[in-house]
């Protein structure tokens, strides 16, 4: 089991990309699954799509990427994003 957390800190796109690379590398070698969770700042002025989004007390920028092996060993993924109704991408 590989578990890594940054705790409560600010991460840029390159750090998220690096975390995804580590997950993918471990999965490709011998992993059966991985889950990458990203929790964004609730009051960020713009969304990751470049548009405005509203303030949501439970957070407007949460995403979870789950990757598992299918019956034939091929990777299968599920992306879950949590956005509020005021988000420009919703």
C-alpha atoms as a PDB file:
ATOM      1  CA  UNK A   1       0.000   0.000   0.000  1.00  0.00           C
ATOM      2  CA  UNK A   2       1.330   3.393  -0.996  1.00  0.00           C
ATOM      3  CA  UNK A   3      -0.212   6.284   0.927  1.00  0.00           C
ATOM      4  CA  UNK A   4       0.931   9.838   0.513  1.00  0.00           C
ATOM      5  CA  UNK A   5      -0.651  13.080   1.620  1.00  0.00           C
ATOM      6  CA  UNK A   6       0.335  16.716   1.533  1.00  0.00           C
ATOM      7  CA  UNK A   7      -2.061  17.574   4.343  1.00  0.00           C
ATOM      8  CA  UNK A   8      -3.471  21.056   4.167  1.00  0.00           C
ATOM      9  CA  UNK A   9      -1.250  22.887   1.716  1.00  0.00           C
ATOM     10  CA  UNK A  10      -1.444  24.625  -1.639  1.00  0.00           C
ATOM     11  CA  UNK A  11      -0.543  22.477  -4.623  1.00  0.00           C
ATOM     12  CA  UNK A  12       0.041  23.726  -8.137  1.00  0.00           C
ATOM     13  CA  UNK A  13      -0.780  21.888 -11.373  1.00  0.00           C
ATOM     14  CA  UNK A  14       2.756  20.478 -11.644  1.00  0.00           C
ATOM     15  CA  UNK A  15       2.494  18.902  -8.174  1.00  0.00           C
ATOM     16  CA  UNK A  16      -0.872  17.331  -9.011  1.00  0.00           C
ATOM     17  CA  UNK A  17       0.632  16.061 -12.268  1.00  0.00           C
ATOM     18  CA  UNK A  18       3.552  14.537 -10.380  1.00  0.00           C
ATOM     19  CA  UNK A  19       1.195  12.811  -7.937  1.00  0.00           C
ATOM     20  CA  UNK A  20      -0.704  11.353 -10.913  1.00  0.00           C
ATOM     21  CA  UNK A  21       2.586  10.134 -12.442  1.00  0.00           C
ATOM     22  CA  UNK A  22       3.513   8.341  -9.198  1.00  0.00           C
ATOM     23  CA  UNK A  23       0.067   6.719  -9.037  1.00  0.00           C
ATOM     24  CA  UNK A  24       0.255   5.656 -12.691  1.00  0.00           C
ATOM     25  CA  UNK A  25       3.777   4.263 -12.334  1.00  0.00           C
ATOM     26  CA  UNK A  26       2.873   2.209  -9.267  1.00  0.00           C
ATOM     27  CA  UNK A  27      -0.334   1.001 -10.930  1.00  0.00           C
ATOM     28  CA  UNK A  28       1.550  -0.034 -14.081  1.00  0.00           C
ATOM     29  CA  UNK A  29       4.078  -2.087 -12.076  1.00  0.00           C
ATOM     30  CA  UNK A  30       1.841  -4.073  -9.759  1.00  0.00           C
ATOM     31  CA  UNK A  31      -0.960  -1.978  -8.337  1.00  0.00           C
ATOM     32  CA  UNK A  32      -4.535  -3.182  -8.479  1.00  0.00           C
ATOM     33  CA  UNK A  33      -6.041   0.272  -8.037  1.00  0.00           C
ATOM     34  CA  UNK A  34      -5.359   3.858  -7.080  1.00  0.00           C
ATOM     35  CA  UNK A  35      -7.403   6.802  -5.887  1.00  0.00           C
ATOM     36  CA  UNK A  36      -6.211  10.373  -6.331  1.00  0.00           C
ATOM     37  CA  UNK A  37      -8.286  12.972  -4.468  1.00  0.00           C
ATOM     38  CA  UNK A  38      -7.940  16.720  -4.910  1.00  0.00           C
ATOM     39  CA  UNK A  39      -9.740  19.214  -2.688  1.00  0.00           C
ATOM     40  CA  UNK A  40      -9.701  22.773  -3.957  1.00  0.00           C
ATOM     41  CA  UNK A  41     -10.085  26.086  -2.203  1.00  0.00           C
ATOM     42  CA  UNK A  42     -13.724  26.972  -1.670  1.00  0.00           C
ATOM     43  CA  UNK A  43     -13.282  30.665  -2.430  1.00  0.00           C
ATOM     44  CA  UNK A  44     -10.906  30.565  -5.403  1.00  0.00           C
ATOM     45  CA  UNK A  45     -11.798  33.448  -7.757  1.00  0.00           C
ATOM     46  CA  UNK A  46     -11.803  31.331 -10.939  1.00  0.00           C
ATOM     47  CA  UNK A  47     -12.462  27.706 -11.772  1.00  0.00           C
ATOM     48  CA  UNK A  48      -9.936  25.368 -13.337  1.00  0.00           C
ATOM     49  CA  UNK A  49     -11.779  25.910 -16.659  1.00  0.00           C
ATOM     50  CA  UNK A  50     -11.031  29.655 -16.492  1.00  0.00           C
ATOM     51  CA  UNK A  51     -14.553  30.824 -15.665  1.00  0.00           C
ATOM     52  CA  UNK A  52     -15.964  32.178 -12.441  1.00  0.00           C
ATOM     53  CA  UNK A  53     -17.511  29.969  -9.797  1.00  0.00           C
ATOM     54  CA  UNK A  54     -19.577  30.626  -6.741  1.00  0.00           C
ATOM     55  CA  UNK A  55     -18.619  30.186  -3.109  1.00  0.00           C
ATOM     56  CA  UNK A  56     -19.754  26.927  -1.564  1.00  0.00           C
ATOM     57  CA  UNK A  57     -19.150  26.185   2.101  1.00  0.00           C
ATOM     58  CA  UNK A  58     -18.383  22.523   1.412  1.00  0.00           C
ATOM     59  CA  UNK A  59     -15.999  23.313  -1.444  1.00  0.00           C
ATOM     60  CA  UNK A  60     -16.550  23.841  -5.123  1.00  0.00           C
ATOM     61  CA  UNK A  61     -13.443  22.174  -6.515  1.00  0.00           C
ATOM     62  CA  UNK A  62     -13.248  18.566  -5.417  1.00  0.00           C
ATOM     63  CA  UNK A  63     -12.260  15.744  -7.755  1.00  0.00           C
ATOM     64  CA  UNK A  64     -11.536  12.068  -7.200  1.00  0.00           C
ATOM     65  CA  UNK A  65      -9.925   9.817  -9.815  1.00  0.00           C
ATOM     66  CA  UNK A  66     -10.318   6.074  -9.237  1.00  0.00           C
ATOM     67  CA  UNK A  67      -8.454   3.637 -11.470  1.00  0.00           C
ATOM     68  CA  UNK A  68      -8.899  -0.160 -11.211  1.00  0.00           C
ATOM     69  CA  UNK A  69      -7.999  -3.180 -13.315  1.00  0.00           C
ATOM     70  CA  UNK A  70     -10.748  -4.691 -15.439  1.00  0.00           C
ATOM     71  CA  UNK A  71     -11.388  -8.397 -15.989  1.00  0.00           C
ATOM     72  CA  UNK A  72      -8.660  -8.589 -18.647  1.00  0.00           C
ATOM     73  CA  UNK A  73      -6.232  -6.467 -16.622  1.00  0.00           C
ATOM     74  CA  UNK A  74      -6.867  -3.292 -18.603  1.00  0.00           C
ATOM     75  CA  UNK A  75      -7.128  -0.021 -16.677  1.00  0.00           C
ATOM     76  CA  UNK A  76     -10.584   1.420 -16.107  1.00  0.00           C
ATOM     77  CA  UNK A  77     -11.164   4.840 -14.613  1.00  0.00           C
ATOM     78  CA  UNK A  78     -13.881   6.858 -12.944  1.00  0.00           C
ATOM     79  CA  UNK A  79     -13.642  10.620 -12.404  1.00  0.00           C
ATOM     80  CA  UNK A  80     -15.997  12.189  -9.864  1.00  0.00           C
ATOM     81  CA  UNK A  81     -16.099  15.975  -9.605  1.00  0.00           C
ATOM     82  CA  UNK A  82     -17.993  17.936  -6.992  1.00  0.00           C
ATOM     83  CA  UNK A  83     -19.136  21.374  -8.133  1.00  0.00           C
ATOM     84  CA  UNK A  84     -21.936  23.645  -7.054  1.00  0.00           C
ATOM     85  CA  UNK A  85     -24.738  25.010  -9.238  1.00  0.00           C
ATOM     86  CA  UNK A  86     -22.977  28.385  -9.631  1.00  0.00           C
ATOM     87  CA  UNK A  87     -19.846  26.860 -11.162  1.00  0.00           C
ATOM     88  CA  UNK A  88     -19.303  27.913 -14.794  1.00  0.00           C
ATOM     89  CA  UNK A  89     -18.553  24.322 -15.865  1.00  0.00           C
ATOM     90  CA  UNK A  90     -21.664  22.795 -14.237  1.00  0.00           C
END
